[in-house]
C-alpha atoms as a PDB file:
ATOM      1  CA  UNK A   1       0.000   0.000   0.000  1.00  0.00           C
ATOM      2  CA  UNK A   2       2.921   2.342   0.716  1.00  0.00           C
ATOM      3  CA  UNK A   3       4.158   2.036  -2.890  1.00  0.00           C
ATOM      4  CA  UNK A   4       0.745   3.011  -4.247  1.00  0.00           C
ATOM      5  CA  UNK A   5       0.678   6.111  -2.037  1.00  0.00           C
ATOM      6  CA  UNK A   6       4.184   7.153  -3.071  1.00  0.00           C
ATOM      7  CA  UNK A   7       3.299   6.741  -6.750  1.00  0.00           C
ATOM      8  CA  UNK A   8       0.192   8.913  -6.303  1.00  0.00           C
ATOM      9  CA  UNK A   9       2.157  11.597  -4.427  1.00  0.00           C
ATOM     10  CA  UNK A  10       4.810  11.720  -7.149  1.00  0.00           C
ATOM     11  CA  UNK A  11       2.333  12.340  -9.960  1.00  0.00           C
ATOM     12  CA  UNK A  12       4.216   9.782 -12.091  1.00  0.00           C
ATOM     13  CA  UNK A  13       2.908   6.589 -13.623  1.00  0.00           C
ATOM     14  CA  UNK A  14       3.774   3.466 -11.657  1.00  0.00           C
ATOM     15  CA  UNK A  15       6.182   2.418 -14.423  1.00  0.00           C
ATOM     16  CA  UNK A  16       8.018   5.779 -14.439  1.00  0.00           C
ATOM     17  CA  UNK A  17       8.166   5.760 -10.645  1.00  0.00           C
ATOM     18  CA  UNK A  18       9.761   2.308 -10.521  1.00  0.00           C
ATOM     19  CA  UNK A  19      12.213   3.090 -13.349  1.00  0.00           C
ATOM     20  CA  UNK A  20      13.394   6.230 -11.540  1.00  0.00           C
ATOM     21  CA  UNK A  21      13.662   4.378  -8.242  1.00  0.00           C
ATOM     22  CA  UNK A  22      15.718   1.576  -9.831  1.00  0.00           C
ATOM     23  CA  UNK A  23      18.074   4.050 -11.502  1.00  0.00           C
ATOM     24  CA  UNK A  24      18.613   5.900  -8.224  1.00  0.00           C
ATOM     25  CA  UNK A  25      16.752   9.021  -9.273  1.00  0.00           C
ATOM     26  CA  UNK A  26      15.213  11.302  -6.710  1.00  0.00           C
ATOM     27  CA  UNK A  27      11.441  11.118  -6.701  1.00  0.00           C
ATOM     28  CA  UNK A  28       9.574  14.100  -5.325  1.00  0.00           C
ATOM     29  CA  UNK A  29       5.877  14.704  -4.864  1.00  0.00           C
ATOM     30  CA  UNK A  30       3.773  16.782  -7.221  1.00  0.00           C
ATOM     31  CA  UNK A  31       3.411  19.352  -4.405  1.00  0.00           C
ATOM     32  CA  UNK A  32       7.199  19.711  -4.252  1.00  0.00           C
ATOM     33  CA  UNK A  33       7.323  20.080  -8.033  1.00  0.00           C
ATOM     34  CA  UNK A  34       4.676  22.827  -7.872  1.00  0.00           C
ATOM     35  CA  UNK A  35       6.636  24.618  -5.135  1.00  0.00           C
ATOM     36  CA  UNK A  36       9.838  24.433  -7.176  1.00  0.00           C
ATOM     37  CA  UNK A  37       8.032  25.786 -10.247  1.00  0.00           C
ATOM     38  CA  UNK A  38       6.716  28.740  -8.224  1.00  0.00           C
ATOM     39  CA  UNK A  39      10.160  29.406  -6.759  1.00  0.00           C
ATOM     40  CA  UNK A  40      11.653  29.245 -10.252  1.00  0.00           C
ATOM     41  CA  UNK A  41       9.093  31.800 -11.489  1.00  0.00           C
ATOM     42  CA  UNK A  42       9.919  34.162  -8.615  1.00  0.00           C
ATOM     43  CA  UNK A  43      13.633  33.784  -9.317  1.00  0.00           C
ATOM     44  CA  UNK A  44      13.105  34.431 -13.055  1.00  0.00           C
ATOM     45  CA  UNK A  45      11.179  37.625 -12.226  1.00  0.00           C
ATOM     46  CA  UNK A  46      13.998  38.697  -9.917  1.00  0.00           C
ATOM     47  CA  UNK A  47      16.612  38.130 -12.631  1.00  0.00           C
ATOM     48  CA  UNK A  48      14.499  40.117 -15.106  1.00  0.00           C
ATOM     49  CA  UNK A  49      14.308  43.059 -12.677  1.00  0.00           C
ATOM     50  CA  UNK A  50      18.036  42.891 -12.021  1.00  0.00           C
ATOM     51  CA  UNK A  51      18.807  42.929 -15.753  1.00  0.00           C
ATOM     52  CA  UNK A  52      16.521  45.938 -16.168  1.00  0.00           C
ATOM     53  CA  UNK A  53      18.349  47.763 -13.392  1.00  0.00           C
ATOM     54  CA  UNK A  54      21.674  47.021 -15.044  1.00  0.00           C
ATOM     55  CA  UNK A  55      20.393  48.306 -18.385  1.00  0.00           C
ATOM     56  CA  UNK A  56      19.062  51.492 -16.781  1.00  0.00           C
ATOM     57  CA  UNK A  57      22.322  52.079 -14.949  1.00  0.00           C
ATOM     58  CA  UNK A  58      24.297  51.577 -18.160  1.00  0.00           C
ATOM     59  CA  UNK A  59      22.058  54.040 -20.026  1.00  0.00           C
ATOM     60  CA  UNK A  60      22.442  56.642 -17.271  1.00  0.00           C
ATOM     61  CA  UNK A  61      26.217  56.230 -17.320  1.00  0.00           C
ATOM     62  CA  UNK A  62      26.276  56.571 -21.114  1.00  0.00           C
ATOM     63  CA  UNK A  63      24.246  59.814 -21.031  1.00  0.00           C
ATOM     64  CA  UNK A  64      26.268  61.212 -18.129  1.00  0.00           C
ATOM     65  CA  UNK A  65      29.561  60.472 -19.871  1.00  0.00           C
ATOM     66  CA  UNK A  66      28.295  62.004 -23.112  1.00  0.00           C
ATOM     67  CA  UNK A  67      27.302  65.203 -21.329  1.00  0.00           C
ATOM     68  CA  UNK A  68      30.337  65.349 -19.063  1.00  0.00           C
ATOM     69  CA  UNK A  69      28.177  64.924 -15.957  1.00  0.00           C
ATOM     70  CA  UNK A  70      29.052  63.063 -12.809  1.00  0.00           C
ATOM     71  CA  UNK A  71      26.358  61.585 -10.548  1.00  0.00           C
ATOM     72  CA  UNK A  72      26.096  63.000  -7.041  1.00  0.00           C
ATOM     73  CA  UNK A  73      27.300  61.009  -4.077  1.00  0.00           C
ATOM     74  CA  UNK A  74      23.703  60.691  -2.827  1.00  0.00           C
ATOM     75  CA  UNK A  75      22.590  59.251  -6.167  1.00  0.00           C
ATOM     76  CA  UNK A  76      25.413  56.710  -6.154  1.00  0.00           C
ATOM     77  CA  UNK A  77      24.606  55.710  -2.559  1.00  0.00           C
ATOM     78  CA  UNK A  78      20.947  55.245  -3.540  1.00  0.00           C
ATOM     79  CA  UNK A  79      21.908  52.959  -6.400  1.00  0.00           C
ATOM     80  CA  UNK A  80      24.250  50.972  -4.147  1.00  0.00           C
ATOM     81  CA  UNK A  81      21.431  50.583  -1.600  1.00  0.00           C
ATOM     82  CA  UNK A  82      19.037  49.324  -4.289  1.00  0.00           C
ATOM     83  CA  UNK A  83      21.584  46.815  -5.532  1.00  0.00           C
ATOM     84  CA  UNK A  84      22.118  45.660  -1.936  1.00  0.00           C
ATOM     85  CA  UNK A  85      18.365  45.192  -1.484  1.00  0.00           C
ATOM     86  CA  UNK A  86      18.134  43.123  -4.664  1.00  0.00           C
ATOM     87  CA  UNK A  87      21.145  41.079  -3.616  1.00  0.00           C
ATOM     88  CA  UNK A  88      19.515  40.317  -0.258  1.00  0.00           C
ATOM     89  CA  UNK A  89      16.282  39.343  -2.026  1.00  0.00           C
ATOM     90  CA  UNK A  90      18.256  37.087  -4.367  1.00  0.00           C
ATOM     91  CA  UNK A  91      20.004  35.408  -1.451  1.00  0.00           C
ATOM     92  CA  UNK A  92      16.637  34.824   0.245  1.00  0.00           C
ATOM     93  CA  UNK A  93      15.267  33.266  -2.944  1.00  0.00           C
ATOM     94  CA  UNK A  94      18.356  31.075  -3.295  1.00  0.00           C
ATOM     95  CA  UNK A  95      18.010  29.873   0.312  1.00  0.00           C
ATOM     96  CA  UNK A  96      14.357  29.073  -0.391  1.00  0.00           C
ATOM     97  CA  UNK A  97      15.354  27.046  -3.441  1.00  0.00           C
ATOM     98  CA  UNK A  98      18.036  25.159  -1.525  1.00  0.00           C
ATOM     99  CA  UNK A  99      15.638  24.323   1.307  1.00  0.00           C
ATOM    100  CA  UNK A 100      13.039  23.081  -1.222  1.00  0.00           C
ATOM    101  CA  UNK A 101      15.388  20.593  -2.849  1.00  0.00           C
ATOM    102  CA  UNK A 102      15.349  17.140  -1.313  1.00  0.00           C
ATOM    103  CA  UNK A 103      18.724  15.459  -1.570  1.00  0.00           C
ATOM    104  CA  UNK A 104      18.903  11.638  -1.672  1.00  0.00           C
END
């Protein structure tokens, strides 16, 4: 009965479940798969935001260099703070991913 329950939890067919088990693969439940998919989506959104910030920063630097302008110290500190916030958020997401992964 335990095998039947594990197969149902995994969301795999009984054949796929047994093949993965025989080959030493890690079998996780469909709930764990859903959680990993959601975490992956959050991480992808984070990466997209970070790329956008990098693009914006590059554009600002290009305009400033073209006009001979230098950003103020306050502006630079604000950008550094934002990058720090995103880094912290990224670390939190990474820790969430690591805690979601079940190692054999």
